[in-house]
Amino acid sequence: MKKTGIIIAIALLTSVSLFAQREYSTFSARISTFGQSFDRPSFELEFTKAYGVPAYQVRDYYAGVDHSWGDLSLAFEFSRFFDRPVVVILDSYRRYHSWDRVAYHYGAKYNSKKYKMLAKMMRDREKYWDRVHREHRKHYYAQQARYERDRDYRPRYDNDRYYRDDRRQYDRDRYNDRDKGWDNKGKGNNGHGKNKPGKGNNNGRW
């Protein structure tokens, strides 16, 4: 009977730990997904704005969580919530290798009042990162649209094969017309321009 009770208690603790870890893992995965839309310096800048730390510290802490933007955001959130320096939170994470165990270590047991406050703060932060991500994507697509519009109206012959070949054909036509004695100024003569006296004119009387 005693053994059965111990096994049940262990199973309950494990399931509770899994639920808590899933919450932290989901948050971390979401932030990491947002970070994939940014280049590294741009997302570092967003972290400096979000948490008020210099960029060099963001880079150092980023390396301390195996280059995971989601885990870095969790480290900052834990630091703010538990009122501990980020380096202390990262030391605890390296020791326990699990965010739910770090939270448990600082008193945020699963389903406790403290845990619920922490979970609410994480949800608010996730909404913040979602807004940052949407604004970034909107700006990116606007830039792409401007690039495409400029490209359509001002084609770059040196980079685009279609326009480059078209320009070469245009230059060849101009060269051939000049040899035939056509003048491209003016209208008439099948759209090639007016006839001018001179070489290349098969009607010698002109």
Protein backbone atom coordinates (compact mmCIF):
# COMPACT_ATOMS: atom_id res chain seq x y z
CA MET A 1 0.00 0.00 0.00
CA LYS A 2 2.83 2.34 0.89
CA LYS A 3 4.58 1.62 -2.38
CA THR A 4 1.39 2.27 -4.33
CA GLY A 5 0.99 5.65 -2.64
CA ILE A 6 4.58 6.59 -3.43
CA ILE A 7 4.16 5.58 -7.07
CA ILE A 8 0.94 7.63 -7.38
CA ALA A 9 2.61 10.65 -5.79
CA ILE A 10 5.56 10.40 -8.17
CA ALA A 11 3.21 10.06 -11.15
CA LEU A 12 1.25 13.13 -10.08
CA LEU A 13 4.41 15.19 -9.60
CA THR A 14 5.68 14.08 -13.01
CA SER A 15 2.43 14.98 -14.77
CA VAL A 16 2.34 18.38 -13.05
CA SER A 17 5.93 19.00 -14.09
CA LEU A 18 5.08 18.04 -17.68
CA PHE A 19 2.14 20.46 -17.78
CA ALA A 20 4.30 23.29 -16.49
CA GLN A 21 7.16 22.48 -18.84
CA ARG A 22 4.73 22.44 -21.76
CA GLU A 23 3.66 26.01 -20.92
CA TYR A 24 7.26 27.23 -20.93
CA SER A 25 8.17 25.23 -24.04
CA THR A 26 5.21 26.64 -25.96
CA PHE A 27 6.16 30.20 -25.04
CA SER A 28 9.80 29.60 -26.01
CA ALA A 29 8.86 28.01 -29.35
CA ARG A 30 6.55 30.91 -30.25
CA ILE A 31 9.19 33.57 -29.58
CA SER A 32 11.80 31.58 -31.50
CA THR A 33 9.40 31.37 -34.46
CA PHE A 34 8.96 35.14 -34.40
CA GLY A 35 12.73 35.56 -34.34
CA GLN A 36 13.11 33.62 -37.60
CA SER A 37 11.56 36.56 -39.47
CA PHE A 38 14.30 38.93 -38.30
CA ASP A 39 18.00 39.09 -38.93
CA ARG A 40 20.02 38.81 -35.75
CA PRO A 41 20.95 42.51 -35.26
CA SER A 42 17.32 43.56 -35.77
CA PHE A 43 16.00 41.11 -33.17
CA GLU A 44 18.77 42.10 -30.76
CA LEU A 45 17.53 45.67 -31.10
CA GLU A 46 13.98 44.53 -30.31
CA PHE A 47 15.25 42.85 -27.14
CA THR A 48 17.03 46.00 -26.06
CA LYS A 49 13.76 47.92 -26.50
CA ALA A 50 11.67 45.25 -24.76
CA TYR A 51 13.91 44.70 -21.73
CA GLY A 52 16.03 47.83 -21.52
CA VAL A 53 19.42 46.15 -21.73
CA PRO A 54 22.35 46.99 -24.03
CA ALA A 55 22.89 44.98 -27.20
CA TYR A 56 26.20 43.45 -26.04
CA GLN A 57 24.43 41.91 -23.04
CA VAL A 58 21.71 40.51 -25.29
CA ARG A 59 24.44 38.86 -27.39
CA ASP A 60 26.15 37.38 -24.32
CA TYR A 61 22.92 36.02 -22.85
CA TYR A 62 21.84 34.70 -26.26
CA ALA A 63 24.97 32.55 -26.38
CA GLY A 64 24.18 31.35 -22.82
CA VAL A 65 20.88 29.76 -23.89
CA ASP A 66 22.26 27.93 -26.96
CA HIS A 67 21.13 30.69 -29.32
CA SER A 68 17.42 30.34 -28.57
CA TRP A 69 15.43 33.58 -28.69
CA GLY A 70 12.57 31.92 -26.84
CA ASP A 71 14.74 30.76 -23.93
CA LEU A 72 16.38 34.19 -23.82
CA SER A 73 12.98 35.84 -23.48
CA LEU A 74 12.08 33.39 -20.71
CA ALA A 75 15.31 34.24 -18.89
CA PHE A 76 14.41 37.94 -18.99
CA GLU A 77 10.85 37.24 -17.86
CA PHE A 78 12.06 35.10 -14.94
CA SER A 79 14.59 37.76 -14.02
CA ARG A 80 11.88 40.41 -13.90
CA PHE A 81 9.31 38.27 -12.10
CA PHE A 82 11.58 36.74 -9.46
CA ASP A 83 13.70 39.89 -9.11
CA ARG A 84 16.97 38.09 -9.83
CA PRO A 85 19.78 39.07 -12.23
CA VAL A 86 19.64 37.40 -15.61
CA VAL A 87 23.00 35.70 -15.01
CA VAL A 88 21.58 34.05 -11.86
CA ILE A 89 18.55 32.79 -13.78
CA LEU A 90 20.83 31.42 -16.51
CA ASP A 91 22.99 29.66 -13.91
CA SER A 92 19.86 28.02 -12.49
CA TYR A 93 18.77 26.98 -15.98
CA ARG A 94 22.16 25.40 -16.68
CA ARG A 95 21.91 23.54 -13.39
CA TYR A 96 18.35 22.20 -13.79
CA HIS A 97 18.07 22.09 -17.62
CA SER A 98 14.36 22.81 -17.32
CA TRP A 99 12.37 26.02 -16.94
CA ASP A 100 9.67 24.44 -14.77
CA ARG A 101 12.31 23.32 -12.28
CA VAL A 102 13.81 26.81 -12.27
CA ALA A 103 10.36 28.27 -11.56
CA TYR A 104 9.78 25.66 -8.85
CA HIS A 105 13.14 26.54 -7.31
CA TYR A 106 12.05 30.18 -6.95
CA GLY A 107 8.63 29.29 -5.54
CA ALA A 108 6.35 29.24 -8.61
CA LYS A 109 4.87 25.77 -8.22
CA TYR A 110 2.46 24.63 -10.89
CA ASN A 111 -1.08 25.96 -10.40
CA SER A 112 -0.03 28.12 -7.46
CA LYS A 113 -0.92 31.80 -7.27
CA LYS A 114 2.65 32.74 -8.12
CA TYR A 115 2.67 30.41 -11.10
CA LYS A 116 -0.58 31.89 -12.43
CA MET A 117 0.86 35.41 -12.15
CA LEU A 118 3.96 34.28 -14.04
CA ALA A 119 1.83 32.59 -16.72
CA LYS A 120 -0.22 35.76 -17.19
CA MET A 121 2.96 37.83 -17.58
CA MET A 122 4.22 35.37 -20.19
CA ARG A 123 0.95 35.59 -22.14
CA ASP A 124 1.17 39.39 -22.14
CA ARG A 125 4.76 39.21 -23.35
CA GLU A 126 3.80 36.78 -26.09
CA LYS A 127 1.16 39.25 -27.30
CA TYR A 128 3.82 41.96 -27.30
CA TRP A 129 6.16 39.85 -29.46
CA ASP A 130 3.27 39.00 -31.76
CA ARG A 131 2.65 42.74 -32.35
CA VAL A 132 6.35 43.33 -33.00
CA HIS A 133 6.40 40.44 -35.46
CA ARG A 134 3.31 41.67 -37.35
CA GLU A 135 4.70 45.20 -37.62
CA HIS A 136 7.98 43.83 -38.91
CA ARG A 137 6.25 41.68 -41.55
CA LYS A 138 4.08 44.62 -42.63
CA HIS A 139 7.18 46.78 -43.08
CA TYR A 140 8.97 43.97 -44.95
CA TYR A 141 6.10 43.42 -47.41
CA ALA A 142 5.80 47.16 -47.98
CA GLN A 143 9.49 47.29 -48.88
CA GLN A 144 9.08 44.35 -51.26
CA ALA A 145 6.10 46.02 -52.94
CA ARG A 146 8.09 49.24 -53.42
CA TYR A 147 10.98 47.27 -54.90
CA GLU A 148 8.71 45.44 -57.36
CA ARG A 149 6.98 48.67 -58.35
CA ASP A 150 10.29 50.47 -58.95
CA ARG A 151 11.59 47.49 -60.90
CA ASP A 152 8.56 47.52 -63.20
CA TYR A 153 8.84 51.22 -63.95
CA ARG A 154 12.61 51.47 -63.99
CA PRO A 155 13.98 48.15 -65.28
CA ARG A 156 17.62 47.43 -64.63
CA TYR A 157 19.13 46.24 -67.88
CA ASP A 158 22.34 45.14 -66.23
CA ASN A 159 20.67 42.69 -63.81
CA ASP A 160 17.57 41.41 -65.53
CA ARG A 161 18.04 39.02 -68.44
CA TYR A 162 14.74 39.84 -70.14
CA TYR A 163 15.32 43.57 -70.14
CA ARG A 164 18.99 43.14 -70.98
CA ASP A 165 18.18 41.09 -74.10
CA ASP A 166 15.46 43.56 -75.05
CA ARG A 167 17.92 46.44 -74.78
CA ARG A 168 20.46 44.62 -76.92
CA GLN A 169 17.81 44.07 -79.61
CA TYR A 170 16.90 47.76 -79.46
CA ASP A 171 20.56 48.76 -79.88
CA ARG A 172 20.94 46.39 -82.86
CA ASP A 173 17.84 47.82 -84.54
CA ARG A 174 19.16 51.34 -84.14
CA TYR A 175 22.54 50.34 -85.57
CA ASN A 176 20.93 48.62 -88.60
CA ASP A 177 18.63 51.57 -89.29
CA ARG A 178 21.57 53.93 -89.22
CA ASP A 179 23.44 51.80 -91.81
CA LYS A 180 20.38 51.82 -94.07
CA GLY A 181 20.27 55.59 -94.00
CA TRP A 182 17.19 55.88 -91.82
CA ASP A 183 16.82 58.74 -89.42
CA ASN A 184 14.92 57.79 -86.30
CA LYS A 185 13.66 61.33 -85.80
CA GLY A 186 10.19 62.06 -87.07
CA LYS A 187 7.45 59.85 -88.42
CA GLY A 188 6.73 58.13 -91.69
CA ASN A 189 8.35 55.50 -93.85
CA ASN A 190 6.84 52.53 -91.99
CA GLY A 191 7.64 54.05 -88.61
CA HIS A 192 11.41 54.13 -89.21
CA GLY A 193 11.63 57.89 -89.75
CA LYS A 194 12.07 60.23 -92.71
CA ASN A 195 14.40 59.51 -95.59
CA LYS A 196 17.48 61.67 -95.71
CA PRO A 197 19.86 62.16 -98.61
CA GLY A 198 23.09 60.36 -98.14
CA LYS A 199 24.75 57.00 -98.12
CA GLY A 200 22.81 53.82 -97.87
CA ASN A 201 19.76 55.22 -99.72
CA ASN A 202 18.83 52.84 -102.51
CA ASN A 203 16.87 55.58 -104.32
CA GLY A 204 19.96 57.42 -105.56
CA ARG A 205 18.03 60.48 -106.69
CA TRP A 206 17.44 61.60 -103.10
